[in-house]
Amino acid sequence: MRSIVLGCLLIVCSFASQAQQKPTELDKSPMDMSYWPDNYPILRMSGKAKDQPVARLIYSRPLKNGRDIFGGVIKYNELWRLGANESTELELFKNVRIAGKLLPAGRYTMYCIPGENKWTIIINRDNYCWGSFTYDSRKDVLRTDIDVSRNNEVVEAFTMYFDDARNGTNLIILWDNLKAVMPITLNGDNPQPSKKNTPKKN
């Protein structure tokens, strides 16, 4: 009897160990995060930021790895997840304007249709998507064309970050030898976020 009970326990333990989720391998396109204002968690930890950030961007960073990217791996005039793995997510804590259009605070998914001379950025309300496989244009909340130019250096890892501008920020997108810029301004009903390291006027 004891041997039967012991055998049953071993079987149960075996199934339990197989059911446990194994840790994933290190991703070839690691997930990263950018804030507006830049380094917001550090500013908050040091007491230099008390309000919420304006925006947070969550995206994966594929590598060039010797490949032809635009016109090669990333096809011109075809929908792109704007990174790798899960679609890029833009979380807004305040209302902003992109291309003069109001984008209310909330969480969105971003896509891109890259062209040779311009990119179309798409902001969509369907979140938590893998790639662009379930993209639904009926859930688009905003589309805008942005400028793209040749970069002076080749960027190995796909990179996105917010760069302070006079009336808001620019979302800078870098990969391979291309650079795209999407201006973002605060809506009038939001206070202007404090600028870090702003030089004093004489």
N, C-alpha and C. Protein backbone atom coordinates (compact mmCIF):
# COMPACT_ATOMS: atom_id res chain seq x y z
N MET A 1 0.83 -1.21 0.00
CA MET A 1 0.00 0.00 0.00
C MET A 1 0.86 1.25 0.00
N ARG A 2 1.92 1.22 0.85
CA ARG A 2 2.80 2.39 0.92
C ARG A 2 3.47 2.65 -0.42
N SER A 3 3.83 1.56 -1.10
CA SER A 3 4.49 1.73 -2.40
C SER A 3 3.54 2.34 -3.42
N ILE A 4 2.23 1.99 -3.34
CA ILE A 4 1.25 2.56 -4.26
C ILE A 4 1.08 4.06 -4.00
N VAL A 5 0.97 4.43 -2.71
CA VAL A 5 0.83 5.85 -2.34
C VAL A 5 2.06 6.63 -2.77
N LEU A 6 3.25 6.05 -2.53
CA LEU A 6 4.49 6.71 -2.91
C LEU A 6 4.56 6.90 -4.42
N GLY A 7 4.13 5.89 -5.15
CA GLY A 7 4.13 5.99 -6.60
C GLY A 7 3.21 7.08 -7.10
N CYS A 8 2.03 7.19 -6.47
CA CYS A 8 1.08 8.24 -6.85
C CYS A 8 1.64 9.62 -6.57
N LEU A 9 2.32 9.76 -5.42
CA LEU A 9 2.92 11.05 -5.08
C LEU A 9 4.00 11.45 -6.08
N LEU A 10 4.78 10.48 -6.49
CA LEU A 10 5.84 10.75 -7.47
C LEU A 10 5.25 11.21 -8.80
N ILE A 11 4.15 10.56 -9.19
CA ILE A 11 3.50 10.95 -10.44
C ILE A 11 2.95 12.37 -10.35
N VAL A 12 2.29 12.67 -9.22
CA VAL A 12 1.73 14.02 -9.02
C VAL A 12 2.84 15.07 -9.03
N CYS A 13 3.95 14.78 -8.32
CA CYS A 13 5.07 15.72 -8.27
C CYS A 13 5.68 15.91 -9.65
N SER A 14 5.71 14.83 -10.43
CA SER A 14 6.26 14.92 -11.78
C SER A 14 5.43 15.84 -12.65
N PHE A 15 4.08 15.65 -12.58
CA PHE A 15 3.20 16.53 -13.36
C PHE A 15 3.30 17.97 -12.88
N ALA A 16 3.42 18.18 -11.57
CA ALA A 16 3.51 19.53 -11.02
C ALA A 16 4.77 20.23 -11.49
N SER A 17 5.88 19.48 -11.52
CA SER A 17 7.14 20.09 -11.95
C SER A 17 7.09 20.44 -13.43
N GLN A 18 6.39 19.61 -14.23
CA GLN A 18 6.27 19.90 -15.65
C GLN A 18 5.34 21.08 -15.89
N ALA A 19 4.37 21.27 -15.00
CA ALA A 19 3.41 22.36 -15.17
C ALA A 19 4.00 23.71 -14.80
N GLN A 20 5.05 23.72 -14.00
CA GLN A 20 5.67 24.98 -13.61
C GLN A 20 6.29 25.65 -14.82
N GLN A 21 6.09 26.95 -14.89
CA GLN A 21 6.65 27.70 -16.02
C GLN A 21 8.16 27.81 -15.89
N LYS A 22 8.85 27.45 -16.96
CA LYS A 22 10.29 27.56 -16.95
C LYS A 22 10.70 28.98 -17.31
N PRO A 23 11.80 29.46 -16.76
CA PRO A 23 12.24 30.81 -17.12
C PRO A 23 12.62 30.87 -18.59
N THR A 24 12.28 32.00 -19.22
CA THR A 24 12.58 32.15 -20.63
C THR A 24 14.07 32.44 -20.82
N GLU A 25 14.54 32.14 -22.03
CA GLU A 25 15.92 32.47 -22.36
C GLU A 25 16.03 33.99 -22.56
N LEU A 26 17.26 34.46 -22.52
CA LEU A 26 17.51 35.88 -22.74
C LEU A 26 17.05 36.27 -24.14
N ASP A 27 16.18 37.27 -24.22
CA ASP A 27 15.60 37.67 -25.49
C ASP A 27 16.65 38.33 -26.38
N LYS A 28 16.59 38.02 -27.66
CA LYS A 28 17.52 38.63 -28.61
C LYS A 28 17.17 40.09 -28.87
N SER A 29 15.93 40.47 -28.57
CA SER A 29 15.47 41.85 -28.72
C SER A 29 14.93 42.32 -27.36
N PRO A 30 15.81 42.73 -26.45
CA PRO A 30 15.37 43.03 -25.08
C PRO A 30 14.38 44.18 -25.03
N MET A 31 13.49 44.10 -24.04
CA MET A 31 12.52 45.15 -23.84
C MET A 31 13.17 46.32 -23.10
N ASP A 32 12.77 47.53 -23.46
CA ASP A 32 13.34 48.73 -22.84
C ASP A 32 12.22 49.73 -22.60
N MET A 33 12.56 50.80 -21.91
CA MET A 33 11.56 51.79 -21.53
C MET A 33 12.17 53.19 -21.58
N SER A 34 11.41 54.13 -22.13
CA SER A 34 11.84 55.53 -22.17
C SER A 34 10.76 56.39 -21.54
N TYR A 35 11.19 57.44 -20.85
CA TYR A 35 10.26 58.35 -20.18
C TYR A 35 10.39 59.77 -20.73
N TRP A 36 9.30 60.51 -20.63
CA TRP A 36 9.31 61.97 -20.78
C TRP A 36 8.73 62.54 -19.49
N PRO A 37 9.52 63.26 -18.68
CA PRO A 37 10.92 63.65 -18.88
C PRO A 37 11.89 62.46 -18.76
N ASP A 38 13.05 62.64 -19.39
CA ASP A 38 14.06 61.59 -19.42
C ASP A 38 14.49 61.21 -18.00
N ASN A 39 14.71 59.90 -17.81
CA ASN A 39 15.18 59.37 -16.52
C ASN A 39 14.23 59.72 -15.38
N TYR A 40 12.93 59.70 -15.66
CA TYR A 40 11.95 60.10 -14.65
C TYR A 40 12.09 59.33 -13.34
N PRO A 41 12.24 57.99 -13.34
CA PRO A 41 12.35 57.29 -12.05
C PRO A 41 13.53 57.78 -11.21
N ILE A 42 14.65 58.12 -11.86
CA ILE A 42 15.82 58.64 -11.13
C ILE A 42 15.50 60.02 -10.56
N LEU A 43 14.83 60.85 -11.37
CA LEU A 43 14.45 62.19 -10.90
C LEU A 43 13.51 62.08 -9.70
N ARG A 44 12.58 61.14 -9.76
CA ARG A 44 11.63 60.97 -8.66
C ARG A 44 12.34 60.47 -7.41
N MET A 45 13.26 59.52 -7.58
CA MET A 45 13.98 58.97 -6.44
C MET A 45 14.82 60.04 -5.74
N SER A 46 15.35 60.97 -6.53
CA SER A 46 16.20 62.02 -5.97
C SER A 46 15.41 63.25 -5.53
N GLY A 47 14.07 63.18 -5.63
CA GLY A 47 13.22 64.27 -5.17
C GLY A 47 13.10 65.41 -6.15
N LYS A 48 13.54 65.22 -7.40
CA LYS A 48 13.48 66.29 -8.39
C LYS A 48 12.23 66.24 -9.24
N ALA A 49 11.42 65.20 -9.06
CA ALA A 49 10.16 65.09 -9.79
C ALA A 49 9.08 64.61 -8.83
N LYS A 50 8.02 65.39 -8.69
CA LYS A 50 6.94 65.04 -7.77
C LYS A 50 5.67 64.63 -8.51
N ASP A 51 5.48 65.19 -9.69
CA ASP A 51 4.30 64.83 -10.48
C ASP A 51 4.55 63.55 -11.26
N GLN A 52 3.50 63.06 -11.88
CA GLN A 52 3.64 61.92 -12.76
C GLN A 52 4.44 62.33 -14.00
N PRO A 53 5.04 61.36 -14.71
CA PRO A 53 5.68 61.71 -15.97
C PRO A 53 4.61 62.09 -16.99
N VAL A 54 5.02 62.67 -18.09
CA VAL A 54 4.08 62.97 -19.17
C VAL A 54 3.81 61.70 -19.98
N ALA A 55 4.89 60.93 -20.26
CA ALA A 55 4.73 59.76 -21.12
C ALA A 55 5.75 58.69 -20.77
N ARG A 56 5.39 57.46 -21.10
CA ARG A 56 6.30 56.32 -20.95
C ARG A 56 6.15 55.44 -22.18
N LEU A 57 7.27 55.03 -22.72
CA LEU A 57 7.30 54.21 -23.92
C LEU A 57 7.92 52.86 -23.59
N ILE A 58 7.24 51.77 -23.95
CA ILE A 58 7.73 50.41 -23.71
C ILE A 58 7.90 49.74 -25.07
N TYR A 59 9.12 49.29 -25.36
CA TYR A 59 9.37 48.73 -26.69
C TYR A 59 10.52 47.73 -26.64
N SER A 60 10.59 46.88 -27.66
CA SER A 60 11.69 45.93 -27.78
C SER A 60 12.71 46.44 -28.78
N ARG A 61 13.99 46.02 -28.59
CA ARG A 61 15.09 46.60 -29.34
C ARG A 61 15.83 45.55 -30.17
N PRO A 62 15.34 45.28 -31.38
CA PRO A 62 16.06 44.34 -32.25
C PRO A 62 17.40 44.91 -32.68
N LEU A 63 18.31 44.04 -33.09
CA LEU A 63 19.65 44.45 -33.53
C LEU A 63 19.76 44.38 -35.05
N LYS A 64 20.60 45.24 -35.58
CA LYS A 64 20.87 45.22 -37.02
C LYS A 64 21.56 43.91 -37.41
N ASN A 65 22.59 43.56 -36.69
CA ASN A 65 23.25 42.26 -36.85
C ASN A 65 23.66 41.99 -38.30
N GLY A 66 24.19 43.03 -38.96
CA GLY A 66 24.70 42.88 -40.31
C GLY A 66 23.64 42.83 -41.40
N ARG A 67 22.38 43.03 -41.04
CA ARG A 67 21.30 42.91 -42.01
C ARG A 67 20.97 44.25 -42.67
N ASP A 68 20.39 44.20 -43.86
CA ASP A 68 19.79 45.39 -44.47
C ASP A 68 18.43 45.58 -43.82
N ILE A 69 18.24 46.70 -43.14
CA ILE A 69 17.02 46.87 -42.35
C ILE A 69 15.87 47.43 -43.18
N PHE A 70 15.94 48.70 -43.55
CA PHE A 70 14.81 49.33 -44.23
C PHE A 70 14.89 49.05 -45.73
N GLY A 71 13.82 48.46 -46.24
CA GLY A 71 13.82 47.97 -47.60
C GLY A 71 14.29 46.52 -47.66
N GLY A 72 14.73 46.00 -46.50
CA GLY A 72 15.18 44.61 -46.40
C GLY A 72 14.34 43.87 -45.39
N VAL A 73 14.84 43.79 -44.15
CA VAL A 73 14.07 43.14 -43.08
C VAL A 73 12.74 43.86 -42.87
N ILE A 74 12.77 45.18 -42.83
CA ILE A 74 11.55 45.99 -42.70
C ILE A 74 11.16 46.47 -44.10
N LYS A 75 10.05 45.96 -44.60
CA LYS A 75 9.62 46.28 -45.95
C LYS A 75 9.01 47.67 -46.01
N TYR A 76 9.34 48.39 -47.07
CA TYR A 76 8.71 49.69 -47.28
C TYR A 76 7.22 49.52 -47.55
N ASN A 77 6.46 50.47 -47.00
CA ASN A 77 5.01 50.55 -47.23
C ASN A 77 4.23 49.36 -46.67
N GLU A 78 4.84 48.65 -45.71
CA GLU A 78 4.14 47.58 -45.01
C GLU A 78 4.12 47.86 -43.51
N LEU A 79 3.07 47.39 -42.85
CA LEU A 79 2.88 47.65 -41.43
C LEU A 79 4.00 47.01 -40.61
N TRP A 80 4.55 47.77 -39.66
CA TRP A 80 5.65 47.31 -38.80
C TRP A 80 5.28 47.59 -37.35
N ARG A 81 5.63 46.69 -36.48
CA ARG A 81 5.28 46.82 -35.05
C ARG A 81 6.10 47.89 -34.34
N LEU A 82 7.02 48.52 -35.03
CA LEU A 82 7.88 49.58 -34.50
C LEU A 82 8.78 49.03 -33.39
N GLY A 83 9.47 47.96 -33.72
CA GLY A 83 10.36 47.30 -32.78
C GLY A 83 10.35 45.81 -33.06
N ALA A 84 10.23 45.02 -32.00
CA ALA A 84 10.16 43.56 -32.13
C ALA A 84 9.23 43.02 -31.06
N ASN A 85 8.91 41.74 -31.18
CA ASN A 85 8.07 41.07 -30.17
C ASN A 85 6.71 41.75 -30.04
N GLU A 86 6.35 42.16 -28.81
CA GLU A 86 5.08 42.85 -28.62
C GLU A 86 5.13 44.21 -29.30
N SER A 87 3.96 44.67 -29.73
CA SER A 87 3.90 46.00 -30.33
C SER A 87 4.31 47.05 -29.31
N THR A 88 4.94 48.10 -29.80
CA THR A 88 5.37 49.20 -28.94
C THR A 88 4.16 49.83 -28.26
N GLU A 89 4.29 50.15 -26.97
CA GLU A 89 3.21 50.77 -26.21
C GLU A 89 3.60 52.16 -25.74
N LEU A 90 2.69 53.09 -25.94
CA LEU A 90 2.86 54.47 -25.48
C LEU A 90 1.83 54.73 -24.40
N GLU A 91 2.29 55.05 -23.20
CA GLU A 91 1.38 55.39 -22.09
C GLU A 91 1.50 56.88 -21.82
N LEU A 92 0.39 57.57 -21.89
CA LEU A 92 0.34 59.00 -21.63
C LEU A 92 -0.35 59.26 -20.30
N PHE A 93 0.28 60.06 -19.47
CA PHE A 93 -0.29 60.42 -18.18
C PHE A 93 -0.95 61.80 -18.24
N LYS A 94 -0.73 62.51 -19.35
CA LYS A 94 -1.34 63.81 -19.59
C LYS A 94 -1.78 63.87 -21.05
N ASN A 95 -2.70 64.78 -21.33
CA ASN A 95 -3.14 64.98 -22.71
C ASN A 95 -2.04 65.62 -23.52
N VAL A 96 -1.85 65.15 -24.74
CA VAL A 96 -0.84 65.74 -25.61
C VAL A 96 -1.46 65.99 -26.99
N ARG A 97 -0.68 66.65 -27.83
CA ARG A 97 -1.07 66.83 -29.22
C ARG A 97 0.04 66.32 -30.12
N ILE A 98 -0.35 65.57 -31.12
CA ILE A 98 0.58 65.06 -32.14
C ILE A 98 0.02 65.50 -33.48
N ALA A 99 0.84 66.23 -34.24
CA ALA A 99 0.40 66.80 -35.51
C ALA A 99 -0.86 67.65 -35.32
N GLY A 100 -0.93 68.35 -34.18
CA GLY A 100 -2.05 69.22 -33.89
C GLY A 100 -3.31 68.50 -33.43
N LYS A 101 -3.26 67.17 -33.36
CA LYS A 101 -4.44 66.39 -32.97
C LYS A 101 -4.34 65.99 -31.50
N LEU A 102 -5.44 66.13 -30.80
CA LEU A 102 -5.48 65.78 -29.38
C LEU A 102 -5.39 64.28 -29.20
N LEU A 103 -4.49 63.87 -28.31
CA LEU A 103 -4.39 62.46 -27.90
C LEU A 103 -4.54 62.43 -26.39
N PRO A 104 -5.70 61.98 -25.89
CA PRO A 104 -5.95 62.01 -24.44
C PRO A 104 -5.03 61.06 -23.68
N ALA A 105 -4.86 61.36 -22.41
CA ALA A 105 -4.09 60.47 -21.54
C ALA A 105 -4.68 59.06 -21.63
N GLY A 106 -3.80 58.07 -21.63
CA GLY A 106 -4.24 56.69 -21.75
C GLY A 106 -3.10 55.83 -22.26
N ARG A 107 -3.40 54.59 -22.56
CA ARG A 107 -2.39 53.64 -23.02
C ARG A 107 -2.72 53.21 -24.44
N TYR A 108 -1.72 53.27 -25.31
CA TYR A 108 -1.93 53.01 -26.73
C TYR A 108 -0.85 52.09 -27.27
N THR A 109 -1.14 51.51 -28.44
CA THR A 109 -0.16 50.73 -29.18
C THR A 109 0.27 51.54 -30.39
N MET A 110 1.57 51.48 -30.71
CA MET A 110 2.10 52.24 -31.84
C MET A 110 2.56 51.30 -32.95
N TYR A 111 2.27 51.69 -34.18
CA TYR A 111 2.74 50.99 -35.37
C TYR A 111 3.36 52.00 -36.31
N CYS A 112 3.99 51.48 -37.36
CA CYS A 112 4.64 52.34 -38.33
C CYS A 112 4.51 51.73 -39.72
N ILE A 113 4.30 52.59 -40.70
CA ILE A 113 4.41 52.19 -42.11
C ILE A 113 5.57 52.99 -42.68
N PRO A 114 6.76 52.38 -42.77
CA PRO A 114 7.92 53.14 -43.23
C PRO A 114 7.95 53.27 -44.75
N GLY A 115 8.25 54.47 -45.21
CA GLY A 115 8.50 54.72 -46.62
C GLY A 115 9.93 55.19 -46.79
N GLU A 116 10.35 55.39 -48.00
CA GLU A 116 11.73 55.80 -48.23
C GLU A 116 11.98 57.23 -47.77
N ASN A 117 10.96 58.09 -47.85
CA ASN A 117 11.14 59.50 -47.53
C ASN A 117 10.32 59.97 -46.34
N LYS A 118 9.35 59.18 -45.93
CA LYS A 118 8.55 59.54 -44.76
C LYS A 118 8.01 58.27 -44.13
N TRP A 119 7.68 58.37 -42.83
CA TRP A 119 7.06 57.25 -42.12
C TRP A 119 5.68 57.68 -41.67
N THR A 120 4.73 56.77 -41.71
CA THR A 120 3.42 57.00 -41.13
C THR A 120 3.36 56.32 -39.77
N ILE A 121 3.17 57.12 -38.73
CA ILE A 121 3.03 56.58 -37.37
C ILE A 121 1.54 56.40 -37.08
N ILE A 122 1.20 55.23 -36.55
CA ILE A 122 -0.19 54.90 -36.22
C ILE A 122 -0.30 54.68 -34.72
N ILE A 123 -1.27 55.32 -34.11
CA ILE A 123 -1.53 55.12 -32.68
C ILE A 123 -2.92 54.49 -32.56
N ASN A 124 -2.95 53.36 -31.89
CA ASN A 124 -4.11 52.47 -31.89
C ASN A 124 -4.50 52.16 -30.44
N ARG A 125 -5.77 51.94 -30.20
CA ARG A 125 -6.23 51.72 -28.82
C ARG A 125 -6.27 50.25 -28.41
N ASP A 126 -5.87 49.33 -29.31
CA ASP A 126 -5.86 47.91 -28.98
C ASP A 126 -4.50 47.54 -28.39
N ASN A 127 -4.45 47.26 -27.11
CA ASN A 127 -3.19 47.02 -26.41
C ASN A 127 -2.87 45.54 -26.24
N TYR A 128 -1.64 45.29 -25.77
CA TYR A 128 -1.16 43.95 -25.41
C TYR A 128 -1.19 43.02 -26.62
N CYS A 129 -0.64 43.50 -27.74
CA CYS A 129 -0.65 42.74 -28.99
C CYS A 129 0.75 42.22 -29.30
N TRP A 130 0.80 41.04 -29.89
CA TRP A 130 2.07 40.51 -30.35
C TRP A 130 2.25 40.89 -31.81
N GLY A 131 3.30 41.66 -32.08
CA GLY A 131 3.54 42.08 -33.45
C GLY A 131 2.40 42.91 -33.99
N SER A 132 2.15 42.78 -35.28
CA SER A 132 1.05 43.49 -35.92
C SER A 132 0.03 42.52 -36.49
N PHE A 133 0.05 41.29 -35.99
CA PHE A 133 -0.78 40.23 -36.57
C PHE A 133 -2.27 40.45 -36.35
N THR A 134 -2.64 41.12 -35.25
CA THR A 134 -4.05 41.35 -34.96
C THR A 134 -4.43 42.82 -35.14
N TYR A 135 -3.59 43.57 -35.85
CA TYR A 135 -3.85 45.00 -36.04
C TYR A 135 -5.22 45.22 -36.67
N ASP A 136 -5.96 46.19 -36.12
CA ASP A 136 -7.29 46.53 -36.60
C ASP A 136 -7.34 48.03 -36.82
N SER A 137 -7.37 48.45 -38.06
CA SER A 137 -7.35 49.89 -38.37
C SER A 137 -8.57 50.62 -37.82
N ARG A 138 -9.64 49.89 -37.53
CA ARG A 138 -10.84 50.53 -36.96
C ARG A 138 -10.58 51.05 -35.55
N LYS A 139 -9.50 50.58 -34.94
CA LYS A 139 -9.16 51.03 -33.59
C LYS A 139 -8.08 52.11 -33.59
N ASP A 140 -7.74 52.62 -34.77
CA ASP A 140 -6.79 53.72 -34.84
C ASP A 140 -7.39 54.96 -34.19
N VAL A 141 -6.56 55.68 -33.44
CA VAL A 141 -7.00 56.96 -32.87
C VAL A 141 -6.26 58.12 -33.50
N LEU A 142 -5.14 57.84 -34.16
CA LEU A 142 -4.37 58.92 -34.76
C LEU A 142 -3.38 58.35 -35.77
N ARG A 143 -3.22 59.06 -36.88
CA ARG A 143 -2.18 58.76 -37.87
C ARG A 143 -1.49 60.06 -38.23
N THR A 144 -0.17 59.99 -38.37
CA THR A 144 0.56 61.18 -38.80
C THR A 144 1.82 60.77 -39.54
N ASP A 145 2.19 61.56 -40.54
CA ASP A 145 3.44 61.33 -41.26
C ASP A 145 4.56 62.10 -40.59
N ILE A 146 5.72 61.48 -40.46
CA ILE A 146 6.86 62.14 -39.84
C ILE A 146 8.07 62.07 -40.77
N ASP A 147 8.99 63.01 -40.56
CA ASP A 147 10.18 63.09 -41.39
C ASP A 147 11.17 61.99 -41.03
N VAL A 148 11.88 61.53 -42.03
CA VAL A 148 12.95 60.56 -41.84
C VAL A 148 14.16 61.03 -42.62
N SER A 149 15.34 60.86 -42.04
CA SER A 149 16.56 61.33 -42.69
C SER A 149 17.69 60.35 -42.43
N ARG A 150 18.75 60.50 -43.20
CA ARG A 150 19.95 59.69 -43.00
C ARG A 150 20.67 60.12 -41.74
N ASN A 151 21.10 59.15 -40.96
CA ASN A 151 21.84 59.43 -39.75
C ASN A 151 23.34 59.41 -40.05
N ASN A 152 24.12 60.13 -39.26
CA ASN A 152 25.56 60.19 -39.51
C ASN A 152 26.28 58.91 -39.11
N GLU A 153 25.65 58.11 -38.28
CA GLU A 153 26.26 56.87 -37.84
C GLU A 153 25.25 55.74 -37.88
N VAL A 154 25.76 54.53 -37.96
CA VAL A 154 24.90 53.36 -37.97
C VAL A 154 24.58 52.98 -36.53
N VAL A 155 23.29 52.86 -36.22
CA VAL A 155 22.84 52.49 -34.88
C VAL A 155 22.51 51.00 -34.88
N GLU A 156 23.22 50.23 -34.07
CA GLU A 156 23.07 48.78 -34.07
C GLU A 156 21.75 48.34 -33.47
N ALA A 157 21.36 48.89 -32.32
CA ALA A 157 20.13 48.49 -31.63
C ALA A 157 19.03 49.51 -31.88
N PHE A 158 17.87 49.05 -32.29
CA PHE A 158 16.72 49.93 -32.48
C PHE A 158 16.51 50.77 -31.21
N THR A 159 16.38 52.07 -31.38
CA THR A 159 16.38 52.99 -30.24
C THR A 159 15.26 54.01 -30.37
N MET A 160 14.54 54.22 -29.27
CA MET A 160 13.51 55.27 -29.20
C MET A 160 13.68 56.02 -27.89
N TYR A 161 13.61 57.34 -27.96
CA TYR A 161 13.72 58.14 -26.73
C TYR A 161 13.09 59.52 -26.94
N PHE A 162 12.75 60.16 -25.82
CA PHE A 162 12.17 61.50 -25.85
C PHE A 162 13.29 62.53 -25.68
N ASP A 163 13.25 63.55 -26.54
CA ASP A 163 14.25 64.61 -26.49
C ASP A 163 13.52 65.94 -26.30
N ASP A 164 13.84 66.65 -25.23
CA ASP A 164 13.15 67.90 -24.91
C ASP A 164 13.19 68.88 -26.07
N ALA A 165 12.05 69.50 -26.33
CA ALA A 165 11.93 70.54 -27.34
C ALA A 165 11.27 71.76 -26.71
N ARG A 166 11.24 72.85 -27.42
CA ARG A 166 10.77 74.12 -26.86
C ARG A 166 9.34 74.03 -26.33
N ASN A 167 8.46 73.42 -27.10
CA ASN A 167 7.05 73.36 -26.71
C ASN A 167 6.60 71.96 -26.31
N GLY A 168 7.54 71.09 -26.02
CA GLY A 168 7.18 69.73 -25.64
C GLY A 168 8.37 68.80 -25.75
N THR A 169 8.26 67.83 -26.65
CA THR A 169 9.34 66.87 -26.81
C THR A 169 9.32 66.34 -28.24
N ASN A 170 10.41 65.72 -28.65
CA ASN A 170 10.47 64.99 -29.90
C ASN A 170 10.71 63.53 -29.58
N LEU A 171 9.90 62.65 -30.15
CA LEU A 171 10.18 61.23 -30.04
C LEU A 171 11.17 60.88 -31.14
N ILE A 172 12.38 60.53 -30.75
CA ILE A 172 13.44 60.21 -31.70
C ILE A 172 13.46 58.70 -31.92
N ILE A 173 13.48 58.29 -33.18
CA ILE A 173 13.53 56.88 -33.55
C ILE A 173 14.77 56.65 -34.40
N LEU A 174 15.65 55.77 -33.93
CA LEU A 174 16.92 55.51 -34.61
C LEU A 174 17.09 54.02 -34.86
N TRP A 175 17.53 53.70 -36.07
CA TRP A 175 17.98 52.33 -36.36
C TRP A 175 18.72 52.32 -37.67
N ASP A 176 19.75 51.50 -37.73
CA ASP A 176 20.60 51.44 -38.91
C ASP A 176 21.12 52.85 -39.18
N ASN A 177 20.93 53.35 -40.39
CA ASN A 177 21.43 54.69 -40.69
C ASN A 177 20.30 55.69 -40.88
N LEU A 178 19.13 55.42 -40.27
CA LEU A 178 17.99 56.32 -40.41
C LEU A 178 17.57 56.91 -39.07
N LYS A 179 17.02 58.11 -39.16
CA LYS A 179 16.51 58.82 -37.98
C LYS A 179 15.16 59.42 -38.33
N ALA A 180 14.16 59.13 -37.50
CA ALA A 180 12.83 59.71 -37.67
C ALA A 180 12.47 60.50 -36.41
N VAL A 181 11.70 61.56 -36.58
CA VAL A 181 11.37 62.46 -35.47
C VAL A 181 9.87 62.72 -35.46
N MET A 182 9.23 62.49 -34.30
CA MET A 182 7.81 62.79 -34.15
C MET A 182 7.64 63.83 -33.04
N PRO A 183 7.29 65.08 -33.40
CA PRO A 183 7.08 66.11 -32.39
C PRO A 183 5.81 65.85 -31.57
N ILE A 184 5.90 66.10 -30.27
CA ILE A 184 4.76 65.96 -29.37
C ILE A 184 4.70 67.22 -28.51
N THR A 185 3.53 67.81 -28.40
CA THR A 185 3.36 68.98 -27.55
C THR A 185 2.32 68.69 -26.48
N LEU A 186 2.44 69.39 -25.36
CA LEU A 186 1.45 69.26 -24.31
C LEU A 186 0.18 69.99 -24.71
N ASN A 187 -0.95 69.42 -24.34
CA ASN A 187 -2.21 70.10 -24.58
C ASN A 187 -2.32 71.27 -23.62
N GLY A 188 -3.10 72.27 -23.98
CA GLY A 188 -3.16 73.50 -23.19
C GLY A 188 -3.67 73.34 -21.78
N ASP A 189 -4.40 72.23 -21.50
CA ASP A 189 -4.95 72.06 -20.16
C ASP A 189 -3.98 71.38 -19.21
N ASN A 190 -2.73 71.15 -19.65
CA ASN A 190 -1.72 70.54 -18.80
C ASN A 190 -0.63 71.55 -18.46
N PRO A 191 -0.10 71.51 -17.25
CA PRO A 191 1.05 72.35 -16.92
C PRO A 191 2.30 71.84 -17.64
N GLN A 192 3.18 72.75 -18.02
CA GLN A 192 4.44 72.36 -18.66
C GLN A 192 5.32 71.64 -17.66
N PRO A 193 5.85 70.45 -18.01
CA PRO A 193 6.73 69.75 -17.07
C PRO A 193 8.03 70.51 -16.88
N SER A 194 8.58 70.40 -15.69
CA SER A 194 9.83 71.10 -15.41
C SER A 194 10.95 70.51 -16.23
N LYS A 195 11.81 71.37 -16.77
CA LYS A 195 12.95 70.92 -17.56
C LYS A 195 14.12 70.66 -16.62
N LYS A 196 14.84 69.58 -16.88
CA LYS A 196 16.00 69.28 -16.06
C LYS A 196 17.21 69.98 -16.63
N ASN A 197 18.08 70.39 -15.77
CA ASN A 197 19.34 71.02 -16.16
C ASN A 197 19.12 72.22 -17.08
N THR A 198 18.07 73.00 -16.81
CA THR A 198 17.81 74.19 -17.61
C THR A 198 18.77 75.29 -17.19
N PRO A 199 19.55 75.86 -18.12
CA PRO A 199 20.49 76.92 -17.76
C PRO A 199 19.78 78.17 -17.29
N LYS A 200 20.32 78.83 -16.30
CA LYS A 200 19.73 80.06 -15.78
C LYS A 200 20.01 81.21 -16.74
N LYS A 201 18.98 82.06 -16.87
CA LYS A 201 19.15 83.24 -17.72
C LYS A 201 19.91 84.33 -16.94
N ASN A 202 20.79 85.00 -17.63
CA ASN A 202 21.55 86.09 -16.99
C ASN A 202 20.74 87.38 -17.02
